[in-house]
C-alpha atoms as a PDB file:
ATOM      1  CA  MET A   1     123.766 101.667 130.074  1.00  0.00           C
ATOM      2  CA  THR A   2     123.373  97.848 128.802  1.00  0.00           C
ATOM      3  CA  VAL A   3     123.568  94.472 130.370  1.00  0.00           C
ATOM      4  CA  LEU A   4     124.157  90.851 128.885  1.00  0.00           C
ATOM      5  CA  GLU A   5     121.300  88.911 128.751  1.00  0.00           C
ATOM      6  CA  THR A   6     122.185  84.970 128.037  1.00  0.00           C
ATOM      7  CA  ALA A   7     119.828  82.824 125.722  1.00  0.00           C
ATOM      8  CA  GLY A   8     121.055  79.678 125.841  1.00  0.00           C
ATOM      9  CA  PRO A   9     124.879  80.025 124.433  1.00  0.00           C
ATOM     10  CA  VAL A  10     124.052  83.334 123.303  1.00  0.00           C
ATOM     11  CA  ALA A  11     124.820  86.526 124.735  1.00  0.00           C
ATOM     12  CA  ILE A  12     122.345  89.205 123.892  1.00  0.00           C
ATOM     13  CA  LYS A  13     122.922  92.834 124.050  1.00  0.00           C
ATOM     14  CA  VAL A  14     119.596  94.296 125.544  1.00  0.00           C
ATOM     15  CA  SER A  15     118.598  97.848 126.988  1.00  0.00           C
ATOM     16  CA  ASP A  16     117.999  98.403 130.570  1.00  0.00           C
ATOM     17  CA  ARG A  17     115.783 101.094 129.740  1.00  0.00           C
ATOM     18  CA  LYS A  18     112.441 101.017 128.251  1.00  0.00           C
ATOM     19  CA  VAL A  19     111.221 102.983 125.645  1.00  0.00           C
ATOM     20  CA  ARG A  20     108.087 104.496 127.274  1.00  0.00           C
ATOM     21  CA  LEU A  21     105.341 105.198 124.696  1.00  0.00           C
ATOM     22  CA  PRO A  22     102.158 107.618 124.948  1.00  0.00           C
ATOM     23  CA  TRP A  23      99.066 105.349 125.770  1.00  0.00           C
ATOM     24  CA  TYR A  24      97.614 106.087 122.328  1.00  0.00           C
ATOM     25  CA  LYS A  25     100.795 105.152 120.034  1.00  0.00           C
ATOM     26  CA  ARG A  26     101.364 102.146 121.969  1.00  0.00           C
ATOM     27  CA  TYR A  27      97.465 100.800 121.105  1.00  0.00           C
ATOM     28  CA  ILE A  28      97.163 102.666 117.927  1.00  0.00           C
ATOM     29  CA  ASN A  29      97.394  99.551 115.912  1.00  0.00           C
ATOM     30  CA  LEU A  30      94.102  98.759 117.431  1.00  0.00           C
ATOM     31  CA  VAL A  31      92.879 102.213 117.757  1.00  0.00           C
ATOM     32  CA  GLY A  32      93.346 103.504 114.262  1.00  0.00           C
ATOM     33  CA  PRO A  33      90.609 100.808 112.335  1.00  0.00           C
ATOM     34  CA  LEU A  34      88.505 101.278 115.539  1.00  0.00           C
ATOM     35  CA  VAL A  35      88.046 104.800 114.750  1.00  0.00           C
ATOM     36  CA  MET A  36      87.525 103.980 111.074  1.00  0.00           C
ATOM     37  CA  ILE A  37      84.796 102.022 112.126  1.00  0.00           C
ATOM     38  CA  ILE A  38      83.001 104.842 113.981  1.00  0.00           C
ATOM     39  CA  ALA A  39      83.338 107.180 111.583  1.00  0.00           C
ATOM     40  CA  LEU A  40      82.220 104.992 108.961  1.00  0.00           C
ATOM     41  CA  CYS A  41      79.418 104.444 111.399  1.00  0.00           C
ATOM     42  CA  LEU A  42      78.457 107.623 112.022  1.00  0.00           C
ATOM     43  CA  THR A  43      78.502 108.537 108.448  1.00  0.00           C
ATOM     44  CA  MET A  44      76.168 105.890 107.840  1.00  0.00           C
ATOM     45  CA  ALA A  45      73.929 107.021 110.500  1.00  0.00           C
ATOM     46  CA  ILE A  46      73.402 110.010 108.117  1.00  0.00           C
ATOM     47  CA  ALA A  47      73.568 108.505 104.850  1.00  0.00           C
ATOM     48  CA  GLN A  48      71.487 105.358 105.463  1.00  0.00           C
ATOM     49  CA  PRO A  49      69.872 104.004 108.497  1.00  0.00           C
ATOM     50  CA  ARG A  50      69.027 101.115 107.233  1.00  0.00           C
ATOM     51  CA  PHE A  51      72.954 100.249 107.383  1.00  0.00           C
ATOM     52  CA  PHE A  52      72.212  99.584 111.115  1.00  0.00           C
ATOM     53  CA  GLU A  53      69.221  97.211 110.896  1.00  0.00           C
ATOM     54  CA  PHE A  54      70.049  93.590 112.260  1.00  0.00           C
ATOM     55  CA  ALA A  55      69.651  91.523 109.202  1.00  0.00           C
ATOM     56  CA  ASN A  56      72.114  94.093 107.306  1.00  0.00           C
ATOM     57  CA  LEU A  57      74.651  93.405 110.268  1.00  0.00           C
ATOM     58  CA  MET A  58      74.054  89.827 109.962  1.00  0.00           C
ATOM     59  CA  ILE A  59      75.296  90.249 106.314  1.00  0.00           C
ATOM     60  CA  ILE A  60      78.149  92.015 107.039  1.00  0.00           C
ATOM     61  CA  LEU A  61      79.218  89.151 109.282  1.00  0.00           C
ATOM     62  CA  GLN A  62      78.430  86.438 106.733  1.00  0.00           C
ATOM     63  CA  ASP A  63      80.746  88.860 103.980  1.00  0.00           C
ATOM     64  CA  ALA A  64      83.523  88.906 106.450  1.00  0.00           C
ATOM     65  CA  ALA A  65      83.407  85.088 107.939  1.00  0.00           C
ATOM     66  CA  ILE A  66      85.634  83.739 105.240  1.00  0.00           C
ATOM     67  CA  TYR A  67      88.133  86.458 105.448  1.00  0.00           C
ATOM     68  CA  MET A  68      88.279  85.569 109.320  1.00  0.00           C
ATOM     69  CA  VAL A  69      89.091  82.364 108.594  1.00  0.00           C
ATOM     70  CA  LEU A  70      92.229  83.439 106.085  1.00  0.00           C
ATOM     71  CA  GLY A  71      92.912  85.996 108.317  1.00  0.00           C
ATOM     72  CA  MET A  72      93.640  83.666 111.158  1.00  0.00           C
ATOM     73  CA  ALA A  73      96.438  81.832 109.055  1.00  0.00           C
ATOM     74  CA  MET A  74      97.687  84.987 107.502  1.00  0.00           C
ATOM     75  CA  THR A  75      98.104  87.048 110.674  1.00  0.00           C
ATOM     76  CA  ILE A  76     100.707  83.853 111.370  1.00  0.00           C
ATOM     77  CA  VAL A  77     102.342  83.852 108.316  1.00  0.00           C
ATOM     78  CA  ILE A  78     103.033  87.702 107.907  1.00  0.00           C
ATOM     79  CA  THR A  79     104.263  87.932 111.448  1.00  0.00           C
ATOM     80  CA  GLY A  80     107.014  85.310 110.394  1.00  0.00           C
ATOM     81  CA  LYS A  81     108.043  87.806 107.511  1.00  0.00           C
ATOM     82  CA  GLY A  82     106.037  85.595 104.940  1.00  0.00           C
ATOM     83  CA  ILE A  83     103.598  86.405 102.922  1.00  0.00           C
ATOM     84  CA  ASP A  84     101.093  83.894 100.435  1.00  0.00           C
ATOM     85  CA  LEU A  85      99.197  85.053  97.536  1.00  0.00           C
ATOM     86  CA  SER A  86      98.126  81.398  96.600  1.00  0.00           C
ATOM     87  CA  ILE A  87      95.419  81.054  98.676  1.00  0.00           C
ATOM     88  CA  GLY A  88      92.402  82.011  95.933  1.00  0.00           C
ATOM     89  CA  ALA A  89      93.996  79.406  94.115  1.00  0.00           C
ATOM     90  CA  VAL A  90      94.173  76.668  96.684  1.00  0.00           C
ATOM     91  CA  ALA A  91      90.210  77.675  97.827  1.00  0.00           C
ATOM     92  CA  ALA A  92      89.356  77.145  94.364  1.00  0.00           C
ATOM     93  CA  LEU A  93      91.665  74.088  93.973  1.00  0.00           C
ATOM     94  CA  SER A  94      90.291  72.354  96.700  1.00  0.00           C
ATOM     95  CA  ALA A  95      87.072  73.145  96.205  1.00  0.00           C
ATOM     96  CA  VAL A  96      86.651  71.980  92.899  1.00  0.00           C
ATOM     97  CA  ILE A  97      88.161  68.655  93.956  1.00  0.00           C
ATOM     98  CA  MET A  98      85.934  68.326  96.820  1.00  0.00           C
ATOM     99  CA  ALA A  99      82.978  69.289  94.437  1.00  0.00           C
ATOM    100  CA  MET A 100      84.292  66.559  91.959  1.00  0.00           C
ATOM    101  CA  LEU A 101      84.357  63.915  94.706  1.00  0.00           C
ATOM    102  CA  ILE A 102      81.007  64.393  95.484  1.00  0.00           C
ATOM    103  CA  LYS A 103      79.226  65.137  91.980  1.00  0.00           C
ATOM    104  CA  ASP A 104      81.050  62.275  90.054  1.00  0.00           C
ATOM    105  CA  LEU A 105      82.427  59.856  92.544  1.00  0.00           C
ATOM    106  CA  GLY A 106      79.189  59.397  94.879  1.00  0.00           C
ATOM    107  CA  TRP A 107      81.441  60.742  97.975  1.00  0.00           C
ATOM    108  CA  GLY A 108      79.608  61.735 101.182  1.00  0.00           C
ATOM    109  CA  PRO A 109      80.180  65.827 101.826  1.00  0.00           C
ATOM    110  CA  TYR A 110      81.900  65.015 105.028  1.00  0.00           C
ATOM    111  CA  SER A 111      84.977  63.009 103.469  1.00  0.00           C
ATOM    112  CA  ALA A 112      84.985  65.003 100.745  1.00  0.00           C
ATOM    113  CA  MET A 113      85.418  68.083 102.859  1.00  0.00           C
ATOM    114  CA  MET A 114      88.116  66.164 104.460  1.00  0.00           C
ATOM    115  CA  ALA A 115      89.862  65.617 101.347  1.00  0.00           C
ATOM    116  CA  ALA A 116      88.828  69.267 100.136  1.00  0.00           C
ATOM    117  CA  VAL A 117      91.331  70.285 103.666  1.00  0.00           C
ATOM    118  CA  THR A 118      93.781  67.513 103.061  1.00  0.00           C
ATOM    119  CA  VAL A 119      94.488  68.861  99.272  1.00  0.00           C
ATOM    120  CA  GLY A 120      95.072  72.748 101.154  1.00  0.00           C
ATOM    121  CA  LEU A 121      97.277  71.170 103.332  1.00  0.00           C
ATOM    122  CA  LEU A 122      99.302  69.666 101.033  1.00  0.00           C
ATOM    123  CA  CYS A 123      99.282  72.589  98.753  1.00  0.00           C
ATOM    124  CA  GLY A 124     100.474  74.568 102.203  1.00  0.00           C
ATOM    125  CA  ILE A 125     103.269  72.322 102.550  1.00  0.00           C
ATOM    126  CA  ALA A 126     104.121  72.544  98.680  1.00  0.00           C
ATOM    127  CA  ASN A 127     104.549  76.377  98.932  1.00  0.00           C
ATOM    128  CA  GLY A 128     106.771  75.821 102.262  1.00  0.00           C
ATOM    129  CA  LEU A 129     108.704  73.163 100.197  1.00  0.00           C
ATOM    130  CA  VAL A 130     109.977  75.868  97.462  1.00  0.00           C
ATOM    131  CA  ILE A 131     110.534  78.104  99.762  1.00  0.00           C
ATOM    132  CA  THR A 132     112.446  76.669 102.323  1.00  0.00           C
ATOM    133  CA  GLN A 133     113.897  74.064  99.846  1.00  0.00           C
ATOM    134  CA  LEU A 134     114.527  75.938  96.657  1.00  0.00           C
ATOM    135  CA  LYS A 135     115.156  78.911  98.768  1.00  0.00           C
ATOM    136  CA  VAL A 136     112.575  80.973  96.685  1.00  0.00           C
ATOM    137  CA  PRO A 137     111.008  84.094  98.240  1.00  0.00           C
ATOM    138  CA  ASP A 138     108.121  84.024  99.742  1.00  0.00           C
ATOM    139  CA  LEU A 139     106.106  86.483  97.437  1.00  0.00           C
ATOM    140  CA  LEU A 140     107.788  84.898  94.344  1.00  0.00           C
ATOM    141  CA  ALA A 141     107.026  81.606  95.234  1.00  0.00           C
ATOM    142  CA  THR A 142     103.489  81.647  95.941  1.00  0.00           C
ATOM    143  CA  LEU A 143     102.681  84.108  93.244  1.00  0.00           C
ATOM    144  CA  ALA A 144     103.836  80.998  90.930  1.00  0.00           C
ATOM    145  CA  MET A 145     102.467  78.204  92.642  1.00  0.00           C
ATOM    146  CA  ASP A 146      99.263  80.639  92.559  1.00  0.00           C
ATOM    147  CA  GLN A 147      99.271  79.825  88.783  1.00  0.00           C
ATOM    148  CA  VAL A 148     100.310  75.949  89.435  1.00  0.00           C
ATOM    149  CA  TYR A 149      96.966  75.410  91.368  1.00  0.00           C
ATOM    150  CA  ARG A 150      94.844  77.485  89.335  1.00  0.00           C
ATOM    151  CA  GLY A 151      95.811  75.548  86.405  1.00  0.00           C
ATOM    152  CA  ILE A 152      95.106  72.310  87.992  1.00  0.00           C
ATOM    153  CA  ALA A 153      91.562  73.671  89.156  1.00  0.00           C
ATOM    154  CA  LEU A 154      91.246  74.741  85.655  1.00  0.00           C
ATOM    155  CA  VAL A 155      92.020  71.581  84.155  1.00  0.00           C
ATOM    156  CA  LEU A 156      90.007  69.354  86.454  1.00  0.00           C
ATOM    157  CA  ALA A 157      86.749  71.285  86.086  1.00  0.00           C
ATOM    158  CA  ALA A 158      87.030  71.630  82.365  1.00  0.00           C
ATOM    159  CA  GLY A 159      85.551  74.910  82.094  1.00  0.00           C
ATOM    160  CA  THR A 160      82.562  73.797  84.106  1.00  0.00           C
ATOM    161  CA  VAL A 161      80.461  75.186  87.273  1.00  0.00           C
ATOM    162  CA  LEU A 162      79.652  72.343  89.826  1.00  0.00           C
ATOM    163  CA  ALA A 163      76.453  73.563  91.670  1.00  0.00           C
ATOM    164  CA  ARG A 164      73.484  71.609  93.803  1.00  0.00           C
ATOM    165  CA  PHE A 165      75.430  70.488  96.904  1.00  0.00           C
ATOM    166  CA  PRO A 166      73.826  68.344  99.752  1.00  0.00           C
ATOM    167  CA  GLU A 167      73.791  69.510 103.195  1.00  0.00           C
ATOM    168  CA  PRO A 168      75.646  70.751 105.205  1.00  0.00           C
ATOM    169  CA  LEU A 169      77.328  72.697 102.571  1.00  0.00           C
ATOM    170  CA  PRO A 170      74.594  74.948 102.157  1.00  0.00           C
ATOM    171  CA  LEU A 171      74.357  75.269 105.925  1.00  0.00           C
ATOM    172  CA  LEU A 172      77.716  76.186 106.487  1.00  0.00           C
ATOM    173  CA  GLY A 173      77.916  78.946 103.617  1.00  0.00           C
ATOM    174  CA  ARG A 174      74.639  80.410 103.955  1.00  0.00           C
ATOM    175  CA  GLY A 175      72.642  78.919 106.667  1.00  0.00           C
ATOM    176  CA  LYS A 176      71.921  79.949 110.049  1.00  0.00           C
ATOM    177  CA  ILE A 177      72.005  79.141 113.759  1.00  0.00           C
ATOM    178  CA  MET A 178      68.890  79.228 115.121  1.00  0.00           C
ATOM    179  CA  GLU A 179      67.626  81.048 111.722  1.00  0.00           C
ATOM    180  CA  VAL A 180      69.388  84.203 113.243  1.00  0.00           C
ATOM    181  CA  VAL A 181      73.226  84.096 113.290  1.00  0.00           C
ATOM    182  CA  PRO A 182      75.305  82.686 110.261  1.00  0.00           C
ATOM    183  CA  THR A 183      76.903  79.267 110.271  1.00  0.00           C
ATOM    184  CA  SER A 184      80.111  81.230 108.678  1.00  0.00           C
ATOM    185  CA  ALA A 185      80.237  83.745 110.769  1.00  0.00           C
ATOM    186  CA  VAL A 186      80.663  81.461 113.610  1.00  0.00           C
ATOM    187  CA  VAL A 187      83.269  79.228 111.699  1.00  0.00           C
ATOM    188  CA  GLY A 188      85.016  82.515 111.185  1.00  0.00           C
ATOM    189  CA  LEU A 189      84.862  83.644 114.868  1.00  0.00           C
ATOM    190  CA  ILE A 190      85.780  80.141 116.214  1.00  0.00           C
ATOM    191  CA  ALA A 191      88.883  80.277 113.609  1.00  0.00           C
ATOM    192  CA  LEU A 192      90.291  83.664 115.250  1.00  0.00           C
ATOM    193  CA  GLY A 193      89.446  81.775 118.469  1.00  0.00           C
ATOM    194  CA  VAL A 194      91.773  79.050 118.012  1.00  0.00           C
ATOM    195  CA  GLY A 195      94.281  81.245 115.870  1.00  0.00           C
ATOM    196  CA  TYR A 196      94.386  83.927 119.160  1.00  0.00           C
ATOM    197  CA  VAL A 197      95.321  80.923 121.234  1.00  0.00           C
ATOM    198  CA  LEU A 198      98.251  79.749 118.794  1.00  0.00           C
ATOM    199  CA  TYR A 199      99.075  83.132 118.268  1.00  0.00           C
ATOM    200  CA  ASN A 200      99.717  83.815 122.205  1.00  0.00           C
ATOM    201  CA  TYR A 201     100.038  80.612 124.002  1.00  0.00           C
ATOM    202  CA  THR A 202     101.758  78.195 121.273  1.00  0.00           C
ATOM    203  CA  TRP A 203     105.449  77.891 120.013  1.00  0.00           C
ATOM    204  CA  LEU A 204     103.887  78.640 116.663  1.00  0.00           C
ATOM    205  CA  GLY A 205     102.692  82.309 117.720  1.00  0.00           C
ATOM    206  CA  ARG A 206     105.849  82.836 119.890  1.00  0.00           C
ATOM    207  CA  TYR A 207     108.732  81.765 117.051  1.00  0.00           C
ATOM    208  CA  ALA A 208     106.525  83.778 114.177  1.00  0.00           C
ATOM    209  CA  VAL A 209     107.120  86.648 116.067  1.00  0.00           C
ATOM    210  CA  ALA A 210     111.085  85.640 116.782  1.00  0.00           C
ATOM    211  CA  ILE A 211     111.509  84.878 112.970  1.00  0.00           C
ATOM    212  CA  GLY A 212     109.395  88.030 112.067  1.00  0.00           C
ATOM    213  CA  GLY A 213     111.314  90.025 114.782  1.00  0.00           C
ATOM    214  CA  ASN A 214     114.830  89.148 114.133  1.00  0.00           C
ATOM    215  CA  ARG A 215     115.447  86.472 111.712  1.00  0.00           C
ATOM    216  CA  GLU A 216     119.517  86.068 112.437  1.00  0.00           C
ATOM    217  CA  ALA A 217     118.664  86.356 116.388  1.00  0.00           C
ATOM    218  CA  ALA A 218     116.196  83.501 115.825  1.00  0.00           C
ATOM    219  CA  VAL A 219     118.446  81.194 114.645  1.00  0.00           C
ATOM    220  CA  LEU A 220     121.035  82.090 116.888  1.00  0.00           C
ATOM    221  CA  THR A 221     118.443  80.758 119.745  1.00  0.00           C
ATOM    222  CA  GLY A 222     117.962  77.717 118.102  1.00  0.00           C
ATOM    223  CA  ILE A 223     114.441  78.033 116.159  1.00  0.00           C
ATOM    224  CA  ASN A 224     114.488  75.974 113.043  1.00  0.00           C
ATOM    225  CA  ILE A 225     113.524  78.508 110.607  1.00  0.00           C
ATOM    226  CA  ASN A 226     112.513  76.202 107.489  1.00  0.00           C
ATOM    227  CA  ARG A 227     110.534  73.642 109.857  1.00  0.00           C
ATOM    228  CA  GLN A 228     108.428  76.679 111.174  1.00  0.00           C
ATOM    229  CA  LYS A 229     107.569  78.569 107.949  1.00  0.00           C
ATOM    230  CA  LEU A 230     106.626  74.663 106.468  1.00  0.00           C
ATOM    231  CA  TYR A 231     103.891  74.594 109.451  1.00  0.00           C
ATOM    232  CA  GLN A 232     102.921  78.385 108.432  1.00  0.00           C
ATOM    233  CA  TYR A 233     101.973  77.758 105.222  1.00  0.00           C
ATOM    234  CA  ALA A 234     100.902  74.191 106.237  1.00  0.00           C
ATOM    235  CA  LEU A 235      98.220  75.926 108.370  1.00  0.00           C
ATOM    236  CA  MET A 236      97.315  78.688 105.508  1.00  0.00           C
ATOM    237  CA  GLY A 237      96.643  75.534 103.430  1.00  0.00           C
ATOM    238  CA  VAL A 238      94.465  74.390 105.743  1.00  0.00           C
ATOM    239  CA  CYS A 239      92.420  77.620 106.425  1.00  0.00           C
ATOM    240  CA  ALA A 240      92.268  78.332 102.536  1.00  0.00           C
ATOM    241  CA  ALA A 241      90.700  74.898 101.878  1.00  0.00           C
ATOM    242  CA  ILE A 242      88.119  75.611 104.848  1.00  0.00           C
ATOM    243  CA  ALA A 243      87.339  79.274 102.997  1.00  0.00           C
ATOM    244  CA  GLY A 244      86.923  77.174  99.717  1.00  0.00           C
ATOM    245  CA  ILE A 245      84.357  75.113 101.531  1.00  0.00           C
ATOM    246  CA  LEU A 246      82.466  78.383 102.829  1.00  0.00           C
ATOM    247  CA  LEU A 247      82.459  80.086  99.277  1.00  0.00           C
ATOM    248  CA  THR A 248      81.100  76.802  97.779  1.00  0.00           C
ATOM    249  CA  GLY A 249      78.573  76.328 100.130  1.00  0.00           C
ATOM    250  CA  ARG A 250      77.698  80.187 100.089  1.00  0.00           C
ATOM    251  CA  LEU A 251      77.218  79.986  96.441  1.00  0.00           C
ATOM    252  CA  ASN A 252      76.114  76.329  96.281  1.00  0.00           C
ATOM    253  CA  ALA A 253      78.463  76.194  93.099  1.00  0.00           C
ATOM    254  CA  ILE A 254      82.023  76.387  92.455  1.00  0.00           C
ATOM    255  CA  GLN A 255      84.318  76.807  89.338  1.00  0.00           C
ATOM    256  CA  ALA A 256      87.790  77.329  89.203  1.00  0.00           C
ATOM    257  CA  THR A 257      87.828  80.986  88.211  1.00  0.00           C
ATOM    258  CA  ALA A 258      86.587  81.399  91.993  1.00  0.00           C
ATOM    259  CA  ALA A 259      88.194  83.449  95.065  1.00  0.00           C
ATOM    260  CA  ASN A 260      90.304  85.389  92.298  1.00  0.00           C
ATOM    261  CA  GLY A 261      90.620  88.564  94.765  1.00  0.00           C
ATOM    262  CA  PHE A 262      91.100  86.298  98.285  1.00  0.00           C
ATOM    263  CA  ALA A 263      94.600  87.189  98.740  1.00  0.00           C
ATOM    264  CA  LEU A 264      95.065  90.786  98.173  1.00  0.00           C
ATOM    265  CA  HIS A 265      91.893  91.178 100.527  1.00  0.00           C
ATOM    266  CA  THR A 266      93.017  89.130 103.151  1.00  0.00           C
ATOM    267  CA  ILE A 267      96.041  90.595 103.105  1.00  0.00           C
ATOM    268  CA  ALA A 268      94.784  94.532 103.437  1.00  0.00           C
ATOM    269  CA  ALA A 269      92.443  93.383 106.226  1.00  0.00           C
ATOM    270  CA  VAL A 270      95.226  91.626 108.159  1.00  0.00           C
ATOM    271  CA  VAL A 271      97.566  94.603 107.702  1.00  0.00           C
ATOM    272  CA  VAL A 272      94.704  97.041 108.164  1.00  0.00           C
ATOM    273  CA  GLY A 273      94.007  95.551 111.654  1.00  0.00           C
ATOM    274  CA  GLY A 274      97.489  96.444 112.560  1.00  0.00           C
ATOM    275  CA  THR A 275      99.798  93.674 111.621  1.00  0.00           C
ATOM    276  CA  VAL A 276     102.920  94.845 110.641  1.00  0.00           C
ATOM    277  CA  LEU A 277     103.610  94.014 106.706  1.00  0.00           C
ATOM    278  CA  PHE A 278     107.680  93.070 107.551  1.00  0.00           C
ATOM    279  CA  GLY A 279     106.814  90.742 110.508  1.00  0.00           C
ATOM    280  CA  GLY A 280     107.122  90.666 114.082  1.00  0.00           C
ATOM    281  CA  ARG A 281     104.221  92.233 115.309  1.00  0.00           C
ATOM    282  CA  GLY A 282     100.329  91.302 114.568  1.00  0.00           C
ATOM    283  CA  SER A 283      97.321  90.429 116.387  1.00  0.00           C
ATOM    284  CA  MET A 284      94.305  88.304 116.040  1.00  0.00           C
ATOM    285  CA  PHE A 285      91.755  91.058 117.294  1.00  0.00           C
ATOM    286  CA  GLY A 286      93.194  93.477 114.955  1.00  0.00           C
ATOM    287  CA  THR A 287      92.627  91.280 112.393  1.00  0.00           C
ATOM    288  CA  LEU A 288      88.963  90.895 113.167  1.00  0.00           C
ATOM    289  CA  VAL A 289      88.588  94.635 113.587  1.00  0.00           C
ATOM    290  CA  GLY A 290      90.449  94.907 110.070  1.00  0.00           C
ATOM    291  CA  VAL A 291      88.273  92.124 108.288  1.00  0.00           C
ATOM    292  CA  LEU A 292      84.838  93.571 109.721  1.00  0.00           C
ATOM    293  CA  LEU A 293      86.174  97.400 108.601  1.00  0.00           C
ATOM    294  CA  LEU A 294      86.461  96.311 104.783  1.00  0.00           C
ATOM    295  CA  ALA A 295      83.456  93.639 104.828  1.00  0.00           C
ATOM    296  CA  MET A 296      81.798  97.343 106.412  1.00  0.00           C
ATOM    297  CA  VAL A 297      82.944  99.420 103.754  1.00  0.00           C
ATOM    298  CA  THR A 298      82.105  97.439 101.155  1.00  0.00           C
ATOM    299  CA  ASN A 299      77.887  96.793 102.424  1.00  0.00           C
ATOM    300  CA  SER A 300      78.403 100.869 102.738  1.00  0.00           C
ATOM    301  CA  LEU A 301      79.503 101.438  99.180  1.00  0.00           C
ATOM    302  CA  VAL A 302      76.560  98.483  97.980  1.00  0.00           C
ATOM    303  CA  MET A 303      74.295 100.153 100.190  1.00  0.00           C
ATOM    304  CA  LEU A 304      74.700 104.101  98.427  1.00  0.00           C
ATOM    305  CA  ARG A 305      74.721 102.553  95.361  1.00  0.00           C
ATOM    306  CA  PHE A 306      77.877 103.002  94.218  1.00  0.00           C
ATOM    307  CA  GLN A 307      79.526 101.013  91.276  1.00  0.00           C
ATOM    308  CA  PHE A 308      81.834  98.148  91.810  1.00  0.00           C
ATOM    309  CA  PHE A 309      84.972 100.074  90.938  1.00  0.00           C
ATOM    310  CA  TRP A 310      84.261 102.679  93.505  1.00  0.00           C
ATOM    311  CA  GLN A 311      84.436  99.816  96.264  1.00  0.00           C
ATOM    312  CA  LEU A 312      87.770  99.060  94.554  1.00  0.00           C
ATOM    313  CA  ILE A 313      89.211 102.367  94.946  1.00  0.00           C
ATOM    314  CA  ALA A 314      87.682 102.648  98.679  1.00  0.00           C
ATOM    315  CA  SER A 315      89.628  99.598  99.280  1.00  0.00           C
ATOM    316  CA  GLY A 316      92.989 100.776  98.028  1.00  0.00           C
ATOM    317  CA  VAL A 317      93.093 103.965  99.989  1.00  0.00           C
ATOM    318  CA  ILE A 318      92.204 102.389 103.298  1.00  0.00           C
ATOM    319  CA  ILE A 319      94.972  99.820 103.066  1.00  0.00           C
ATOM    320  CA  ILE A 320      97.636 102.117 101.600  1.00  0.00           C
ATOM    321  CA  SER A 321      96.699 105.044 104.236  1.00  0.00           C
ATOM    322  CA  ALA A 322      96.811 102.142 106.957  1.00  0.00           C
ATOM    323  CA  ILE A 323     100.094 101.028 105.655  1.00  0.00           C
ATOM    324  CA  GLY A 324     101.811 104.550 105.356  1.00  0.00           C
ATOM    325  CA  PHE A 325     100.105 105.466 108.675  1.00  0.00           C
ATOM    326  CA  TYR A 326     101.740 102.581 110.324  1.00  0.00           C
ATOM    327  CA  SER A 327     105.195 102.935 108.623  1.00  0.00           C
ATOM    328  CA  TYR A 328     105.033 106.854 110.001  1.00  0.00           C
ATOM    329  CA  LEU A 329     104.232 105.374 113.654  1.00  0.00           C
ATOM    330  CA  GLN A 330     107.215 102.948 113.376  1.00  0.00           C
ATOM    331  CA  HIS A 331     109.729 105.477 112.018  1.00  0.00           C
ATOM    332  CA  GLY A 332     108.427 107.382 115.031  1.00  0.00           C
ATOM    333  CA  ARG A 333     108.981 104.792 117.287  1.00  0.00           C
ATOM    334  CA  SER A 334     112.535 103.593 116.112  1.00  0.00           C
ATOM    335  CA  SER A 335     113.715 107.798 116.283  1.00  0.00           C
ATOM    336  CA  GLU A 336     112.503 108.128 119.781  1.00  0.00           C
ATOM    337  CA  SER A 337     114.283 104.574 120.972  1.00  0.00           C
ATOM    338  CA  ARG A 338     117.988 106.521 119.219  1.00  0.00           C
ATOM    339  CA  THR A 339     116.710 109.750 121.348  1.00  0.00           C
ATOM    340  CA  ASP A 340     116.199 107.294 124.153  1.00  0.00           C
ATOM    341  CA  GLU A 341     119.478 105.619 124.091  1.00  0.00           C
END
């Protein structure tokens, strides 16, 4: 039996029966990566007990910090059925401009950081305009804009490495609060906290879920898709700029070719954390778990003295396994829904 539920002038047909799933299927998006983390911890407890030393755990947090910032915005973008492949180039361009303002024009670090965030915002808006006004698919638009931003950064930097910046840049990138907790990790956790509020308690998150879940229904209920896309990509650009600032502070140097793998790693962490790649559902806590999982895998392979290409293989296997598993689960849910009806 079905009823008609009215949303403004539009009548939407919904089922009056809820599909009840077992608890492990309802929460598998979080349980899956958590189980992988537990399995990894058990393996490392046997293979390399030094993995659990406090100093190493802080290194993992520091490694994960940049992807916490990027993952926050990427969760919203992907939930809204978008994707951004340009974030590495945006981070590099923002950081190069910040560095040039400090080194060449004598700007203070705070004003230069604000300029970097503004550059990131403008890049995000440009991505949104290409997608919404020129009707270029998100994937192709951001892939092309990645080349544009990277090219601009290469022209500006002219192949040089800009290094040795004043505080607070080194403090943000590699400093520690009370000589214990990495400052960058605190920034990353704050970003995810802000993202949690935006995603769960504001129209930005609700509209992203609506657009990703059913674009046509979102249009019928009065959501301005183009405007929401602009907001989502603007936020992504700001977070990419912050990531560029953190990267500059950690290395105390920056060049135009930096941040090459940011996009793939961020998307991987978000998807592994349970955000559906095709939109409609996501989780900030899941993104945190996904970021930590990939950081722990990389750290484990380094401690076990695996060569770098094994890290790439391990990350790829985890990504494929997670996406395949969630796709299988989603197919199972759809089948159960049809059976219940």
